[in-house]
Amino acid sequence: MRQWPLLVVCVCFLVGLVLILAAFWRRGAMVLGGATVLAGLFRLVLPVDVAGLLVVRSRVFDVLVTGLAGVAMIVLSLIVPGYA
């Protein structure tokens, strides 16, 4: 249980993938983006020994990359037109 932040993020990703496979692609993409933002928030607020495998580079780099990627996924899932 030392890697609980990574476990939480992975469970959120799994929920997003299940939604996508169930044909709810927009909701699934939003959940994936939210999980990515959550990973960045964990990296921002948790110390290095607790964040565990979410630590890749420096704190600033990790937070910026995951935050921007997560927000981009959420925005794209909102602006891409759905099927008619």
PDB file of N, CA and C in Angstrom:
ATOM      1  N   MET A   1       0.820  -1.211   0.000  1.00  0.00           N
ATOM      2  CA  MET A   1       0.000   0.000   0.000  1.00  0.00           C
ATOM      3  C   MET A   1       0.856   1.264   0.000  1.00  0.00           C
ATOM      4  N   ARG A   2       2.153   1.112  -0.162  1.00  0.00           N
ATOM      5  CA  ARG A   2       3.007   2.295  -0.207  1.00  0.00           C
ATOM      6  C   ARG A   2       2.769   3.095  -1.483  1.00  0.00           C
ATOM      7  N   GLN A   3       2.221   2.493  -2.493  1.00  0.00           N
ATOM      8  CA  GLN A   3       1.985   3.172  -3.771  1.00  0.00           C
ATOM      9  C   GLN A   3       0.519   3.547  -3.933  1.00  0.00           C
ATOM     10  N   TRP A   4      -0.154   3.944  -2.859  1.00  0.00           N
ATOM     11  CA  TRP A   4      -1.586   4.243  -2.942  1.00  0.00           C
ATOM     12  C   TRP A   4      -1.908   5.379  -3.909  1.00  0.00           C
ATOM     13  N   PRO A   5      -1.070   6.430  -4.067  1.00  0.00           N
ATOM     14  CA  PRO A   5      -1.436   7.458  -5.053  1.00  0.00           C
ATOM     15  C   PRO A   5      -1.483   6.898  -6.476  1.00  0.00           C
ATOM     16  N   LEU A   6      -0.520   6.052  -6.806  1.00  0.00           N
ATOM     17  CA  LEU A   6      -0.512   5.438  -8.132  1.00  0.00           C
ATOM     18  C   LEU A   6      -1.700   4.500  -8.299  1.00  0.00           C
ATOM     19  N   LEU A   7      -2.058   3.781  -7.255  1.00  0.00           N
ATOM     20  CA  LEU A   7      -3.216   2.889  -7.309  1.00  0.00           C
ATOM     21  C   LEU A   7      -4.502   3.669  -7.562  1.00  0.00           C
ATOM     22  N   VAL A   8      -4.671   4.797  -6.905  1.00  0.00           N
ATOM     23  CA  VAL A   8      -5.868   5.630  -7.104  1.00  0.00           C
ATOM     24  C   VAL A   8      -5.935   6.114  -8.549  1.00  0.00           C
ATOM     25  N   VAL A   9      -4.811   6.585  -9.067  1.00  0.00           N
ATOM     26  CA  VAL A   9      -4.775   7.082 -10.454  1.00  0.00           C
ATOM     27  C   VAL A   9      -5.064   5.935 -11.427  1.00  0.00           C
ATOM     28  N   CYS A  10      -4.491   4.764 -11.190  1.00  0.00           N
ATOM     29  CA  CYS A  10      -4.726   3.623 -12.080  1.00  0.00           C
ATOM     30  C   CYS A  10      -6.184   3.166 -12.053  1.00  0.00           C
ATOM     31  N   VAL A  11      -6.810   3.188 -10.887  1.00  0.00           N
ATOM     32  CA  VAL A  11      -8.229   2.831 -10.802  1.00  0.00           C
ATOM     33  C   VAL A  11      -9.072   3.833 -11.593  1.00  0.00           C
ATOM     34  N   CYS A  12      -8.742   5.122 -11.484  1.00  0.00           N
ATOM     35  CA  CYS A  12      -9.469   6.143 -12.257  1.00  0.00           C
ATOM     36  C   CYS A  12      -9.285   5.916 -13.751  1.00  0.00           C
ATOM     37  N   PHE A  13      -8.062   5.576 -14.178  1.00  0.00           N
ATOM     38  CA  PHE A  13      -7.820   5.270 -15.582  1.00  0.00           C
ATOM     39  C   PHE A  13      -8.646   4.072 -16.023  1.00  0.00           C
ATOM     40  N   LEU A  14      -8.707   3.054 -15.188  1.00  0.00           N
ATOM     41  CA  LEU A  14      -9.478   1.864 -15.520  1.00  0.00           C
ATOM     42  C   LEU A  14     -10.960   2.195 -15.674  1.00  0.00           C
ATOM     43  N   VAL A  15     -11.488   3.026 -14.791  1.00  0.00           N
ATOM     44  CA  VAL A  15     -12.889   3.459 -14.905  1.00  0.00           C
ATOM     45  C   VAL A  15     -13.098   4.195 -16.230  1.00  0.00           C
ATOM     46  N   GLY A  16     -12.166   5.074 -16.587  1.00  0.00           N
ATOM     47  CA  GLY A  16     -12.265   5.794 -17.857  1.00  0.00           C
ATOM     48  C   GLY A  16     -12.233   4.858 -19.051  1.00  0.00           C
ATOM     49  N   LEU A  17     -11.366   3.862 -19.016  1.00  0.00           N
ATOM     50  CA  LEU A  17     -11.291   2.905 -20.120  1.00  0.00           C
ATOM     51  C   LEU A  17     -12.557   2.065 -20.226  1.00  0.00           C
ATOM     52  N   VAL A  18     -13.125   1.693 -19.092  1.00  0.00           N
ATOM     53  CA  VAL A  18     -14.390   0.935 -19.111  1.00  0.00           C
ATOM     54  C   VAL A  18     -15.503   1.790 -19.719  1.00  0.00           C
ATOM     55  N   LEU A  19     -15.535   3.065 -19.367  1.00  0.00           N
ATOM     56  CA  LEU A  19     -16.542   3.954 -19.960  1.00  0.00           C
ATOM     57  C   LEU A  19     -16.360   4.065 -21.471  1.00  0.00           C
ATOM     58  N   ILE A  20     -15.124   4.169 -21.910  1.00  0.00           N
ATOM     59  CA  ILE A  20     -14.864   4.257 -23.351  1.00  0.00           C
ATOM     60  C   ILE A  20     -15.304   2.974 -24.046  1.00  0.00           C
ATOM     61  N   LEU A  21     -14.972   1.830 -23.452  1.00  0.00           N
ATOM     62  CA  LEU A  21     -15.374   0.555 -24.056  1.00  0.00           C
ATOM     63  C   LEU A  21     -16.879   0.349 -24.042  1.00  0.00           C
ATOM     64  N   ALA A  22     -17.561   1.014 -23.115  1.00  0.00           N
ATOM     65  CA  ALA A  22     -19.025   0.919 -23.048  1.00  0.00           C
ATOM     66  C   ALA A  22     -19.692   1.956 -23.944  1.00  0.00           C
ATOM     67  N   ALA A  23     -18.934   2.566 -24.826  1.00  0.00           N
ATOM     68  CA  ALA A  23     -19.420   3.528 -25.816  1.00  0.00           C
ATOM     69  C   ALA A  23     -19.749   4.887 -25.227  1.00  0.00           C
ATOM     70  N   PHE A  24     -19.240   5.201 -24.054  1.00  0.00           N
ATOM     71  CA  PHE A  24     -19.360   6.541 -23.475  1.00  0.00           C
ATOM     72  C   PHE A  24     -18.004   7.228 -23.591  1.00  0.00           C
ATOM     73  N   TRP A  25     -17.566   7.460 -24.846  1.00  0.00           N
ATOM     74  CA  TRP A  25     -16.204   7.925 -25.074  1.00  0.00           C
ATOM     75  C   TRP A  25     -15.952   9.305 -24.479  1.00  0.00           C
ATOM     76  N   ARG A  26     -16.929  10.184 -24.521  1.00  0.00           N
ATOM     77  CA  ARG A  26     -16.721  11.544 -23.998  1.00  0.00           C
ATOM     78  C   ARG A  26     -16.528  11.513 -22.481  1.00  0.00           C
ATOM     79  N   ARG A  27     -17.384  10.786 -21.793  1.00  0.00           N
ATOM     80  CA  ARG A  27     -17.237  10.667 -20.331  1.00  0.00           C
ATOM     81  C   ARG A  27     -15.937   9.964 -19.979  1.00  0.00           C
ATOM     82  N   GLY A  28     -15.606   8.933 -20.714  1.00  0.00           N
ATOM     83  CA  GLY A  28     -14.369   8.198 -20.467  1.00  0.00           C
ATOM     84  C   GLY A  28     -13.138   9.057 -20.665  1.00  0.00           C
ATOM     85  N   ALA A  29     -13.150   9.865 -21.723  1.00  0.00           N
ATOM     86  CA  ALA A  29     -12.010  10.762 -21.966  1.00  0.00           C
ATOM     87  C   ALA A  29     -11.906  11.812 -20.868  1.00  0.00           C
ATOM     88  N   MET A  30     -13.038  12.269 -20.374  1.00  0.00           N
ATOM     89  CA  MET A  30     -13.007  13.234 -19.271  1.00  0.00           C
ATOM     90  C   MET A  30     -12.461  12.598 -18.001  1.00  0.00           C
ATOM     91  N   VAL A  31     -12.823  11.359 -17.740  1.00  0.00           N
ATOM     92  CA  VAL A  31     -12.299  10.663 -16.564  1.00  0.00           C
ATOM     93  C   VAL A  31     -10.796  10.436 -16.709  1.00  0.00           C
ATOM     94  N   LEU A  32     -10.342  10.070 -17.909  1.00  0.00           N
ATOM     95  CA  LEU A  32      -8.901   9.908 -18.136  1.00  0.00           C
ATOM     96  C   LEU A  32      -8.161  11.223 -17.906  1.00  0.00           C
ATOM     97  N   GLY A  33      -8.717  12.309 -18.403  1.00  0.00           N
ATOM     98  CA  GLY A  33      -8.112  13.615 -18.169  1.00  0.00           C
ATOM     99  C   GLY A  33      -8.115  13.982 -16.700  1.00  0.00           C
ATOM    100  N   GLY A  34      -9.210  13.687 -16.017  1.00  0.00           N
ATOM    101  CA  GLY A  34      -9.284  13.949 -14.584  1.00  0.00           C
ATOM    102  C   GLY A  34      -8.270  13.132 -13.798  1.00  0.00           C
ATOM    103  N   ALA A  35      -8.064  11.886 -14.199  1.00  0.00           N
ATOM    104  CA  ALA A  35      -7.068  11.044 -13.537  1.00  0.00           C
ATOM    105  C   ALA A  35      -5.661  11.594 -13.745  1.00  0.00           C
ATOM    106  N   THR A  36      -5.417  12.132 -14.919  1.00  0.00           N
ATOM    107  CA  THR A  36      -4.102  12.720 -15.189  1.00  0.00           C
ATOM    108  C   THR A  36      -3.890  13.974 -14.353  1.00  0.00           C
ATOM    109  N   VAL A  37      -4.918  14.799 -14.248  1.00  0.00           N
ATOM    110  CA  VAL A  37      -4.830  15.988 -13.388  1.00  0.00           C
ATOM    111  C   VAL A  37      -4.648  15.558 -11.931  1.00  0.00           C
ATOM    112  N   LEU A  38      -5.352  14.517 -11.523  1.00  0.00           N
ATOM    113  CA  LEU A  38      -5.212  14.010 -10.160  1.00  0.00           C
ATOM    114  C   LEU A  38      -3.779  13.551  -9.886  1.00  0.00           C
ATOM    115  N   ALA A  39      -3.156  12.907 -10.857  1.00  0.00           N
ATOM    116  CA  ALA A  39      -1.757  12.497 -10.703  1.00  0.00           C
ATOM    117  C   ALA A  39      -0.867  13.717 -10.489  1.00  0.00           C
ATOM    118  N   GLY A  40      -1.132  14.785 -11.237  1.00  0.00           N
ATOM    119  CA  GLY A  40      -0.365  16.014 -11.054  1.00  0.00           C
ATOM    120  C   GLY A  40      -0.598  16.639  -9.693  1.00  0.00           C
ATOM    121  N   LEU A  41      -1.845  16.600  -9.223  1.00  0.00           N
ATOM    122  CA  LEU A  41      -2.136  17.140  -7.892  1.00  0.00           C
ATOM    123  C   LEU A  41      -1.465  16.322  -6.794  1.00  0.00           C
ATOM    124  N   PHE A  42      -1.485  14.996  -6.937  1.00  0.00           N
ATOM    125  CA  PHE A  42      -0.770  14.154  -5.982  1.00  0.00           C
ATOM    126  C   PHE A  42       0.710  14.507  -5.968  1.00  0.00           C
ATOM    127  N   ARG A  43       1.270  14.693  -7.157  1.00  0.00           N
ATOM    128  CA  ARG A  43       2.701  15.030  -7.245  1.00  0.00           C
ATOM    129  C   ARG A  43       2.983  16.383  -6.615  1.00  0.00           C
ATOM    130  N   LEU A  44       2.029  17.303  -6.709  1.00  0.00           N
ATOM    131  CA  LEU A  44       2.212  18.646  -6.162  1.00  0.00           C
ATOM    132  C   LEU A  44       2.176  18.647  -4.635  1.00  0.00           C
ATOM    133  N   VAL A  45       1.244  17.924  -4.050  1.00  0.00           N
ATOM    134  CA  VAL A  45       1.028  18.052  -2.607  1.00  0.00           C
ATOM    135  C   VAL A  45       1.700  16.972  -1.766  1.00  0.00           C
ATOM    136  N   LEU A  46       2.031  15.828  -2.351  1.00  0.00           N
ATOM    137  CA  LEU A  46       2.605  14.750  -1.564  1.00  0.00           C
ATOM    138  C   LEU A  46       4.133  14.806  -1.571  1.00  0.00           C
ATOM    139  N   PRO A  47       4.758  14.426  -0.465  1.00  0.00           N
ATOM    140  CA  PRO A  47       6.220  14.359  -0.464  1.00  0.00           C
ATOM    141  C   PRO A  47       6.712  13.238  -1.385  1.00  0.00           C
ATOM    142  N   VAL A  48       7.956  13.300  -1.750  1.00  0.00           N
ATOM    143  CA  VAL A  48       8.529  12.366  -2.721  1.00  0.00           C
ATOM    144  C   VAL A  48       8.387  10.916  -2.258  1.00  0.00           C
ATOM    145  N   ASP A  49       8.613  10.644  -0.993  1.00  0.00           N
ATOM    146  CA  ASP A  49       8.538   9.258  -0.522  1.00  0.00           C
ATOM    147  C   ASP A  49       7.109   8.713  -0.533  1.00  0.00           C
ATOM    148  N   VAL A  50       6.103   9.570  -0.465  1.00  0.00           N
ATOM    149  CA  VAL A  50       4.708   9.122  -0.526  1.00  0.00           C
ATOM    150  C   VAL A  50       4.226   9.060  -1.976  1.00  0.00           C
ATOM    151  N   ALA A  51       4.644  10.010  -2.814  1.00  0.00           N
ATOM    152  CA  ALA A  51       4.208  10.042  -4.217  1.00  0.00           C
ATOM    153  C   ALA A  51       4.722   8.833  -4.984  1.00  0.00           C
ATOM    154  N   GLY A  52       5.822   8.272  -4.566  1.00  0.00           N
ATOM    155  CA  GLY A  52       6.325   7.026  -5.135  1.00  0.00           C
ATOM    156  C   GLY A  52       6.583   7.072  -6.623  1.00  0.00           C
ATOM    157  N   LEU A  53       5.934   6.193  -7.361  1.00  0.00           N
ATOM    158  CA  LEU A  53       6.191   6.063  -8.790  1.00  0.00           C
ATOM    159  C   LEU A  53       5.586   7.189  -9.629  1.00  0.00           C
ATOM    160  N   LEU A  54       4.872   8.106  -9.010  1.00  0.00           N
ATOM    161  CA  LEU A  54       4.405   9.289  -9.738  1.00  0.00           C
ATOM    162  C   LEU A  54       5.537  10.290  -9.929  1.00  0.00           C
ATOM    163  N   VAL A  55       6.634  10.096  -9.230  1.00  0.00           N
ATOM    164  CA  VAL A  55       7.801  10.976  -9.351  1.00  0.00           C
ATOM    165  C   VAL A  55       8.608  10.524 -10.556  1.00  0.00           C
ATOM    166  N   VAL A  56       8.736  11.406 -11.556  1.00  0.00           N
ATOM    167  CA  VAL A  56       9.507  11.084 -12.751  1.00  0.00           C
ATOM    168  C   VAL A  56      10.677  12.046 -12.889  1.00  0.00           C
ATOM    169  N   ARG A  57      10.387  13.318 -12.902  1.00  0.00           N
ATOM    170  CA  ARG A  57      11.417  14.352 -13.013  1.00  0.00           C
ATOM    171  C   ARG A  57      11.285  15.270 -11.808  1.00  0.00           C
ATOM    172  N   SER A  58      11.564  16.539 -12.018  1.00  0.00           N
ATOM    173  CA  SER A  58      11.399  17.495 -10.922  1.00  0.00           C
ATOM    174  C   SER A  58       9.907  17.712 -10.659  1.00  0.00           C
ATOM    175  N   ARG A  59       9.592  18.219  -9.487  1.00  0.00           N
ATOM    176  CA  ARG A  59       8.196  18.443  -9.117  1.00  0.00           C
ATOM    177  C   ARG A  59       7.511  19.388 -10.101  1.00  0.00           C
ATOM    178  N   VAL A  60       8.182  20.478 -10.450  1.00  0.00           N
ATOM    179  CA  VAL A  60       7.593  21.474 -11.369  1.00  0.00           C
ATOM    180  C   VAL A  60       7.303  20.832 -12.723  1.00  0.00           C
ATOM    181  N   PHE A  61       8.246  20.079 -13.248  1.00  0.00           N
ATOM    182  CA  PHE A  61       8.065  19.433 -14.549  1.00  0.00           C
ATOM    183  C   PHE A  61       6.896  18.448 -14.506  1.00  0.00           C
ATOM    184  N   ASP A  62       6.876  17.589 -13.486  1.00  0.00           N
ATOM    185  CA  ASP A  62       5.809  16.591 -13.382  1.00  0.00           C
ATOM    186  C   ASP A  62       4.435  17.239 -13.290  1.00  0.00           C
ATOM    187  N   VAL A  63       4.320  18.272 -12.462  1.00  0.00           N
ATOM    188  CA  VAL A  63       3.018  18.929 -12.272  1.00  0.00           C
ATOM    189  C   VAL A  63       2.582  19.627 -13.559  1.00  0.00           C
ATOM    190  N   LEU A  64       3.502  20.331 -14.215  1.00  0.00           N
ATOM    191  CA  LEU A  64       3.146  21.034 -15.452  1.00  0.00           C
ATOM    192  C   LEU A  64       2.729  20.065 -16.556  1.00  0.00           C
ATOM    193  N   VAL A  65       3.496  19.019 -16.756  1.00  0.00           N
ATOM    194  CA  VAL A  65       3.197  18.087 -17.849  1.00  0.00           C
ATOM    195  C   VAL A  65       1.893  17.340 -17.603  1.00  0.00           C
ATOM    196  N   THR A  66       1.721  16.796 -16.394  1.00  0.00           N
ATOM    197  CA  THR A  66       0.480  16.060 -16.141  1.00  0.00           C
ATOM    198  C   THR A  66      -0.729  16.992 -16.106  1.00  0.00           C
ATOM    199  N   GLY A  67      -0.551  18.178 -15.551  1.00  0.00           N
ATOM    200  CA  GLY A  67      -1.657  19.138 -15.514  1.00  0.00           C
ATOM    201  C   GLY A  67      -2.084  19.569 -16.904  1.00  0.00           C
ATOM    202  N   LEU A  68      -1.113  19.934 -17.733  1.00  0.00           N
ATOM    203  CA  LEU A  68      -1.439  20.362 -19.098  1.00  0.00           C
ATOM    204  C   LEU A  68      -2.032  19.225 -19.921  1.00  0.00           C
ATOM    205  N   ALA A  69      -1.486  18.029 -19.788  1.00  0.00           N
ATOM    206  CA  ALA A  69      -2.022  16.887 -20.540  1.00  0.00           C
ATOM    207  C   ALA A  69      -3.443  16.559 -20.098  1.00  0.00           C
ATOM    208  N   GLY A  70      -3.688  16.591 -18.796  1.00  0.00           N
ATOM    209  CA  GLY A  70      -5.031  16.296 -18.288  1.00  0.00           C
ATOM    210  C   GLY A  70      -6.049  17.333 -18.715  1.00  0.00           C
ATOM    211  N   VAL A  71      -5.688  18.603 -18.605  1.00  0.00           N
ATOM    212  CA  VAL A  71      -6.600  19.669 -19.021  1.00  0.00           C
ATOM    213  C   VAL A  71      -6.849  19.590 -20.524  1.00  0.00           C
ATOM    214  N   ALA A  72      -5.809  19.292 -21.297  1.00  0.00           N
ATOM    215  CA  ALA A  72      -5.982  19.160 -22.749  1.00  0.00           C
ATOM    216  C   ALA A  72      -6.950  18.030 -23.084  1.00  0.00           C
ATOM    217  N   MET A  73      -6.841  16.896 -22.387  1.00  0.00           N
ATOM    218  CA  MET A  73      -7.768  15.781 -22.640  1.00  0.00           C
ATOM    219  C   MET A  73      -9.205  16.169 -22.310  1.00  0.00           C
ATOM    220  N   ILE A  74      -9.376  16.869 -21.204  1.00  0.00           N
ATOM    221  CA  ILE A  74     -10.731  17.280 -20.811  1.00  0.00           C
ATOM    222  C   ILE A  74     -11.300  18.269 -21.819  1.00  0.00           C
ATOM    223  N   VAL A  75     -10.512  19.261 -22.203  1.00  0.00           N
ATOM    224  CA  VAL A  75     -10.986  20.267 -23.165  1.00  0.00           C
ATOM    225  C   VAL A  75     -11.304  19.612 -24.509  1.00  0.00           C
ATOM    226  N   LEU A  76     -10.422  18.741 -24.979  1.00  0.00           N
ATOM    227  CA  LEU A  76     -10.674  18.080 -26.259  1.00  0.00           C
ATOM    228  C   LEU A  76     -11.919  17.192 -26.203  1.00  0.00           C
ATOM    229  N   SER A  77     -12.140  16.534 -25.074  1.00  0.00           N
ATOM    230  CA  SER A  77     -13.339  15.697 -24.981  1.00  0.00           C
ATOM    231  C   SER A  77     -14.612  16.539 -24.989  1.00  0.00           C
ATOM    232  N   LEU A  78     -14.504  17.780 -24.567  1.00  0.00           N
ATOM    233  CA  LEU A  78     -15.672  18.660 -24.573  1.00  0.00           C
ATOM    234  C   LEU A  78     -15.930  19.316 -25.928  1.00  0.00           C
ATOM    235  N   ILE A  79     -14.863  19.592 -26.691  1.00  0.00           N
ATOM    236  CA  ILE A  79     -15.064  20.343 -27.940  1.00  0.00           C
ATOM    237  C   ILE A  79     -15.189  19.477 -29.184  1.00  0.00           C
ATOM    238  N   VAL A  80     -14.786  18.211 -29.099  1.00  0.00           N
ATOM    239  CA  VAL A  80     -14.919  17.335 -30.265  1.00  0.00           C
ATOM    240  C   VAL A  80     -16.391  17.013 -30.455  1.00  0.00           C
ATOM    241  N   PRO A  81     -16.918  17.240 -31.649  1.00  0.00           N
ATOM    242  CA  PRO A  81     -18.345  16.972 -31.860  1.00  0.00           C
ATOM    243  C   PRO A  81     -18.651  15.486 -31.755  1.00  0.00           C
ATOM    244  N   GLY A  82     -19.809  15.184 -31.236  1.00  0.00           N
ATOM    245  CA  GLY A  82     -20.243  13.789 -31.097  1.00  0.00           C
ATOM    246  C   GLY A  82     -20.824  13.273 -32.400  1.00  0.00           C
ATOM    247  N   TYR A  83     -21.204  12.008 -32.394  1.00  0.00           N
ATOM    248  CA  TYR A  83     -21.820  11.404 -33.566  1.00  0.00           C
ATOM    249  C   TYR A  83     -23.260  11.897 -33.717  1.00  0.00           C
ATOM    250  N   ALA A  84     -23.691  12.086 -34.955  1.00  0.00           N
ATOM    251  CA  ALA A  84     -25.053  12.557 -35.202  1.00  0.00           C
ATOM    252  C   ALA A  84     -26.052  11.440 -35.152  1.00  0.00           C
TER     253      ALA A  84
END
